Protein backbone atom coordinates (compact mmCIF):
# COMPACT_ATOMS: atom_id res chain seq x y z
CA UNK A 1 89.67 87.12 97.90
CA UNK A 2 88.58 88.21 94.46
CA UNK A 3 89.64 91.42 92.79
CA UNK A 4 88.87 92.76 89.34
CA UNK A 5 91.10 94.64 86.94
CA UNK A 6 88.32 95.70 84.59
CA UNK A 7 88.02 99.39 83.90
CA UNK A 8 91.46 100.51 84.98
CA UNK A 9 91.47 104.26 84.61
CA UNK A 10 95.03 105.42 85.01
CA UNK A 11 98.44 104.30 83.83
CA UNK A 12 101.67 106.18 84.21
CA UNK A 13 103.46 104.48 81.35
CA UNK A 14 102.24 102.60 78.35
CA UNK A 15 102.21 98.81 78.37
CA UNK A 16 101.95 96.54 75.32
CA UNK A 17 98.45 95.40 76.29
CA UNK A 18 95.41 97.04 77.83
CA UNK A 19 94.50 96.53 81.47
CA UNK A 20 91.80 93.97 80.72
CA UNK A 21 94.08 92.08 78.36
CA UNK A 22 96.57 91.42 81.15
CA UNK A 23 94.25 88.69 82.41
CA UNK A 24 92.83 87.55 79.11
CA UNK A 25 96.00 86.39 77.36
CA UNK A 26 97.10 83.09 78.84
CA UNK A 27 95.91 83.30 82.41
CA UNK A 28 97.90 83.99 85.53
CA UNK A 29 100.84 81.79 86.43
CA UNK A 30 102.13 81.43 90.03
CA UNK A 31 100.04 83.61 92.34
CA UNK A 32 99.88 84.72 95.96
CA UNK A 33 96.57 85.92 97.42
CA UNK A 34 95.86 86.91 101.00
CA UNK A 35 93.50 88.99 103.09
CA UNK A 36 94.72 91.24 105.93
CA UNK A 37 92.36 91.95 108.80
CA UNK A 38 92.54 95.64 109.64
CA UNK A 39 92.79 96.81 113.23
CA UNK A 40 92.39 100.60 112.96
CA UNK A 41 93.81 102.96 115.54
CA UNK A 42 90.91 103.67 117.94
CA UNK A 43 92.17 107.25 118.33
CA UNK A 44 92.25 107.78 114.56
CA UNK A 45 95.73 109.23 114.70
CA UNK A 46 97.33 106.95 112.10
CA UNK A 47 98.21 103.29 111.74
CA UNK A 48 97.67 101.10 114.76
CA UNK A 49 100.59 99.04 116.00
CA UNK A 50 98.99 95.89 114.57
CA UNK A 51 98.47 97.42 111.11
CA UNK A 52 101.93 99.02 111.10
CA UNK A 53 103.51 95.56 111.47
CA UNK A 54 102.08 94.36 108.15
CA UNK A 55 104.37 96.13 105.64
CA UNK A 56 107.45 94.35 107.01
CA UNK A 57 105.60 91.01 106.95
CA UNK A 58 104.54 91.61 103.36
CA UNK A 59 108.12 92.36 102.32
CA UNK A 60 109.20 88.99 103.67
CA UNK A 61 106.28 87.24 102.00
CA UNK A 62 106.88 88.78 98.57
CA UNK A 63 110.61 88.08 98.88
CA UNK A 64 109.97 84.42 99.62
CA UNK A 65 107.40 84.16 96.81
CA UNK A 66 109.62 85.74 94.15
CA UNK A 67 112.55 83.65 95.29
CA UNK A 68 110.42 80.52 94.99
CA UNK A 69 109.25 81.61 91.51
CA UNK A 70 112.85 82.13 90.36
CA UNK A 71 112.53 85.93 90.08
CA UNK A 72 115.04 87.31 92.61
CA UNK A 73 115.82 90.25 90.31
CA UNK A 74 112.36 91.70 91.05
CA UNK A 75 112.49 91.41 94.83
CA UNK A 76 113.77 94.83 95.84
CA UNK A 77 111.41 96.84 93.62
CA UNK A 78 108.41 94.60 94.33
CA UNK A 79 108.99 94.96 98.08
CA UNK A 80 108.88 98.75 97.78
CA UNK A 81 105.80 98.79 95.57
CA UNK A 82 103.82 96.39 97.72
CA UNK A 83 104.82 98.20 100.91
CA UNK A 84 103.63 101.55 99.58
CA UNK A 85 100.32 100.24 98.23
CA UNK A 86 99.57 98.19 101.34
CA UNK A 87 100.45 101.01 103.74
CA UNK A 88 98.23 103.39 101.81
CA UNK A 89 95.38 100.86 101.91
CA UNK A 90 95.75 100.12 105.62
CA UNK A 91 95.79 103.83 106.39
CA UNK A 92 92.80 104.85 104.24
CA UNK A 93 90.65 101.71 103.78
CA UNK A 94 87.03 101.79 104.85
CA UNK A 95 86.44 98.03 105.03
CA UNK A 96 87.38 95.40 107.62
CA UNK A 97 90.22 93.95 105.55
CA UNK A 98 92.72 94.64 102.80
CA UNK A 99 93.26 92.16 99.99
CA UNK A 100 96.65 91.54 98.40
CA UNK A 101 97.23 89.59 95.19
CA UNK A 102 100.57 89.10 93.40
CA UNK A 103 100.95 87.01 90.26
CA UNK A 104 102.92 86.48 87.06
CA UNK A 105 100.96 87.35 83.93
CA UNK A 106 102.55 86.97 80.50
CA UNK A 107 105.60 89.28 80.61
CA UNK A 108 104.66 91.05 83.84
CA UNK A 109 104.59 90.75 87.60
CA UNK A 110 101.26 92.21 88.74
CA UNK A 111 100.64 93.55 92.25
CA UNK A 112 97.06 94.34 93.33
CA UNK A 113 95.88 95.81 96.63
CA UNK A 114 92.15 96.00 97.32
CA UNK A 115 91.20 98.42 100.11
CA UNK A 116 87.43 98.26 99.68
CA UNK A 117 87.16 102.02 99.25
CA UNK A 118 85.52 103.53 96.12
CA UNK A 119 87.64 106.68 96.49
CA UNK A 120 90.38 106.79 93.86
CA UNK A 121 93.87 107.41 95.26
CA UNK A 122 95.61 110.44 93.77
CA UNK A 123 99.34 111.23 94.06
CA UNK A 124 100.00 114.43 95.97
CA UNK A 125 103.03 116.65 96.24
CA UNK A 126 104.39 116.23 99.73
CA UNK A 127 106.32 119.08 101.31
CA UNK A 128 110.01 118.69 102.17
CA UNK A 129 109.21 118.19 105.86
CA UNK A 130 106.24 115.85 105.37
CA UNK A 131 106.78 112.28 106.62
CA UNK A 132 104.02 110.84 104.42
CA UNK A 133 102.37 111.52 101.07
CA UNK A 134 105.05 110.21 98.71
CA UNK A 135 103.83 106.62 98.36
CA UNK A 136 102.00 106.85 95.03
CA UNK A 137 104.72 109.07 93.58
CA UNK A 138 107.20 106.31 94.40
CA UNK A 139 104.90 103.75 92.75
CA UNK A 140 104.66 106.00 89.71
CA UNK A 141 108.44 106.21 89.42
CA UNK A 142 109.21 102.52 89.98
CA UNK A 143 106.39 100.64 88.26
CA UNK A 144 106.14 99.92 84.55
CA UNK A 145 102.49 100.97 84.81
CA UNK A 146 99.94 101.52 87.56
CA UNK A 147 96.27 102.35 87.88
CA UNK A 148 92.99 101.92 89.70
CA UNK A 149 90.07 99.60 88.96
CA UNK A 150 86.85 101.13 87.70
CA UNK A 151 85.13 100.78 91.06
CA UNK A 152 88.06 102.44 92.82
CA UNK A 153 88.69 99.58 95.22
CA UNK A 154 91.83 98.07 93.70
CA UNK A 155 95.13 99.81 93.03
CA UNK A 156 97.48 97.83 90.81
CA UNK A 157 100.97 98.10 89.33
CA UNK A 158 103.18 96.02 87.06
CA UNK A 159 106.86 95.19 86.65
CA UNK A 160 108.31 93.64 83.48
CA UNK A 161 109.73 90.14 83.85
CA UNK A 162 113.26 89.34 82.78
CA UNK A 163 113.31 87.46 79.50
CA UNK A 164 114.74 83.95 79.31
CA UNK A 165 114.41 80.76 81.37
CA UNK A 166 113.05 81.43 84.83
CA UNK A 167 115.82 79.46 86.49
CA UNK A 168 118.57 81.50 84.80
CA UNK A 169 118.80 85.13 85.83
CA UNK A 170 121.05 87.84 84.39
CA UNK A 171 124.18 88.73 86.31
CA UNK A 172 123.16 90.76 89.34
CA UNK A 173 125.12 93.92 88.69
CA UNK A 174 123.60 97.39 88.52
CA UNK A 175 126.73 99.49 88.08
CA UNK A 176 130.19 99.15 86.50
CA UNK A 177 132.77 97.25 88.53
CA UNK A 178 135.46 99.48 90.01
CA UNK A 179 137.73 96.84 91.51
CA UNK A 180 137.89 93.08 91.80
CA UNK A 181 140.16 90.79 93.78
CA UNK A 182 140.33 87.01 93.18
CA UNK A 183 140.77 84.56 96.03
CA UNK A 184 143.45 81.91 95.95
CA UNK A 185 141.66 78.69 96.90
CA UNK A 186 142.34 74.95 96.54
CA UNK A 187 139.81 72.57 94.97
CA UNK A 188 139.22 70.60 98.15
CA UNK A 189 136.92 70.90 101.21
CA UNK A 190 139.33 73.27 102.96
CA UNK A 191 138.42 76.01 100.44
CA UNK A 192 135.37 77.26 102.36
CA UNK A 193 137.32 77.75 105.58
CA UNK A 194 140.27 79.41 103.80
CA UNK A 195 137.84 81.71 102.00
CA UNK A 196 136.59 83.01 105.35
CA UNK A 197 140.13 83.90 106.40
CA UNK A 198 141.02 85.60 103.11
CA UNK A 199 137.70 87.46 102.90
CA UNK A 200 138.27 89.30 106.17
CA UNK A 201 141.44 90.87 104.75
CA UNK A 202 140.06 91.48 101.26
CA UNK A 203 136.91 93.21 102.48
CA UNK A 204 139.11 95.55 104.50
CA UNK A 205 141.24 96.26 101.43
CA UNK A 206 138.13 96.93 99.35
CA UNK A 207 136.72 99.22 102.08
CA UNK A 208 133.22 97.92 101.46
CA UNK A 209 130.69 99.84 103.64
CA UNK A 210 128.40 96.91 104.27
CA UNK A 211 127.71 93.98 106.56
CA UNK A 212 131.03 92.17 106.32
CA UNK A 213 129.95 89.30 108.58
CA UNK A 214 127.07 88.57 106.19
CA UNK A 215 129.42 88.83 103.19
CA UNK A 216 131.79 86.27 104.68
CA UNK A 217 128.90 83.91 105.43
CA UNK A 218 127.60 84.28 101.85
CA UNK A 219 131.02 83.51 100.40
CA UNK A 220 131.35 80.45 102.63
CA UNK A 221 127.94 79.11 101.59
CA UNK A 222 128.58 79.60 97.85
CA UNK A 223 131.94 77.86 98.00
CA UNK A 224 130.59 75.03 100.14
CA UNK A 225 127.72 74.60 97.68
CA UNK A 226 130.15 74.38 94.75
CA UNK A 227 132.26 71.83 96.62
CA UNK A 228 129.26 69.62 97.33
CA UNK A 229 127.45 69.80 94.01
CA UNK A 230 129.77 71.00 91.23
CA UNK A 231 133.26 69.64 91.85
CA UNK A 232 134.41 66.05 91.55
CA UNK A 233 136.61 65.02 94.50
CA UNK A 234 140.14 64.09 93.51
CA UNK A 235 139.90 65.30 89.90
CA UNK A 236 142.75 67.56 88.85
CA UNK A 237 142.47 70.61 86.62
CA UNK A 238 138.89 71.55 87.51
CA UNK A 239 137.95 75.16 86.85
CA UNK A 240 137.14 76.70 90.20
CA UNK A 241 137.56 80.13 91.73
CA UNK A 242 136.06 82.98 93.70
CA UNK A 243 136.25 86.74 93.32
CA UNK A 244 135.12 89.79 95.30
CA UNK A 245 134.19 92.95 93.37
CA UNK A 246 132.98 96.45 94.22
CA UNK A 247 130.74 98.41 91.84
CA UNK A 248 130.37 102.16 91.41
CA UNK A 249 127.17 101.89 93.47
CA UNK A 250 129.24 100.31 96.29
CA UNK A 251 127.59 96.92 95.84
CA UNK A 252 129.65 93.91 96.76
CA UNK A 253 129.61 91.11 94.17
CA UNK A 254 130.68 87.65 95.30
CA UNK A 255 131.33 85.34 92.34
CA UNK A 256 132.07 81.63 92.65
CA UNK A 257 132.85 79.75 89.43
CA UNK A 258 132.75 75.99 88.95
CA UNK A 259 133.00 73.51 86.04
CA UNK A 260 129.30 72.51 85.94
CA UNK A 261 127.65 74.59 83.17
CA UNK A 262 124.05 74.30 84.37
CA UNK A 263 122.03 74.95 87.53
CA UNK A 264 118.74 73.21 86.60
CA UNK A 265 117.07 73.51 90.02
CA UNK A 266 118.24 76.98 90.97
CA UNK A 267 114.73 78.10 91.92
CA UNK A 268 114.25 75.15 94.26
CA UNK A 269 117.69 75.66 95.78
CA UNK A 270 117.10 79.27 96.79
CA UNK A 271 113.59 78.39 97.98
CA UNK A 272 115.07 75.94 100.51
CA UNK A 273 113.67 72.80 98.88
CA UNK A 274 117.13 71.28 98.31
CA UNK A 275 118.81 72.43 101.54
CA UNK A 276 118.94 75.54 103.68
CA UNK A 277 122.25 77.17 102.69
CA UNK A 278 121.27 79.21 99.63
CA UNK A 279 117.80 79.84 101.04
CA UNK A 280 119.25 81.27 104.23
CA UNK A 281 121.57 83.79 102.58
CA UNK A 282 118.77 84.82 100.22
CA UNK A 283 116.49 85.36 103.22
CA UNK A 284 119.15 87.59 104.73
CA UNK A 285 119.18 89.80 101.66
CA UNK A 286 121.72 88.39 99.20
CA UNK A 287 120.46 88.65 95.60
CA UNK A 288 121.51 85.37 93.99
CA UNK A 289 121.87 84.75 90.27
CA UNK A 290 123.82 82.42 88.03
CA UNK A 291 125.09 82.63 84.48
CA UNK A 292 127.23 80.67 82.06
CA UNK A 293 130.85 81.67 82.43
CA UNK A 294 132.17 83.57 79.38
CA UNK A 295 135.69 82.24 79.96
CA UNK A 296 135.24 78.46 80.16
CA UNK A 297 132.65 75.66 80.05
CA UNK A 298 131.20 76.24 83.47
CA UNK A 299 129.02 78.67 85.40
CA UNK A 300 129.29 81.49 87.88
CA UNK A 301 127.00 81.83 90.88
CA UNK A 302 126.81 85.46 91.97
CA UNK A 303 125.61 87.07 95.19
CA UNK A 304 125.06 90.83 95.23
CA UNK A 305 124.97 92.69 98.55
CA UNK A 306 123.98 96.32 98.99
CA UNK A 307 126.15 98.72 101.00
CA UNK A 308 124.97 99.18 104.55
CA UNK A 309 122.80 96.07 104.27
CA UNK A 310 121.77 94.53 107.57
CA UNK A 311 120.72 91.01 108.38
CA UNK A 312 116.93 90.54 108.31
CA UNK A 313 115.66 89.12 111.60
């Protein structure tokens, strides 16, 4: 599919470049483009069952793409933005298909949805009992900027990219830490199994209102990964540890520290190219990051889990 950003007419917030300049700087980097065949409801009463299945599929696709591109920090917001734009397009499009394009451009992630309709979407004020009508208001509140192409067919929005190397993300914490509890683990292969046992008790002590089975699995995978790739068998005095923390937003942070200061193929690891462990827990919703430890010459791999989070099937 081909979409055009020329003549964007509306932005909610200012961006450092004009709409046309987004494409004219250095060209788009990694990109995802796809076309969705619409199957409208024959009764005209709303989304058909086939069309209604697409938003969930798109969330999984954008999650996998951003994970592969080394941008896990953008996943949650990008999922919401794409879902709202795509649902709006599927509901109101006049053509046989809906085009979706997502790409990295300079300092931005750009999301475009082409519905083929020349009618410009306008945010409306939904009533307190309305089940729909808030999509563009949500886009307006979450996106750095948004707008519509001159011909009205393409609605777009942008998110700023995190500065720094793409393989190294900032620590995934969105609120101050209220409480943290370290685990007492040996530096040998038994650590992963012992971590499972300790985690069951510690999660109860922390009273975390989330998927504790997923949390235990995530902890096990992170420790097993450190054992396989960051620790030297039989070497004494290696810096290694794990810690569970709860933030004010009731997020659970799972930190595993090891003596290797770099993670040069982090993007490939969470994309499943170097094994399935990290990829699998990312697919299930864990937001993975890594950062250089401030306390010693090593690194910390962090998984952040939201309260009430369920396993994605």
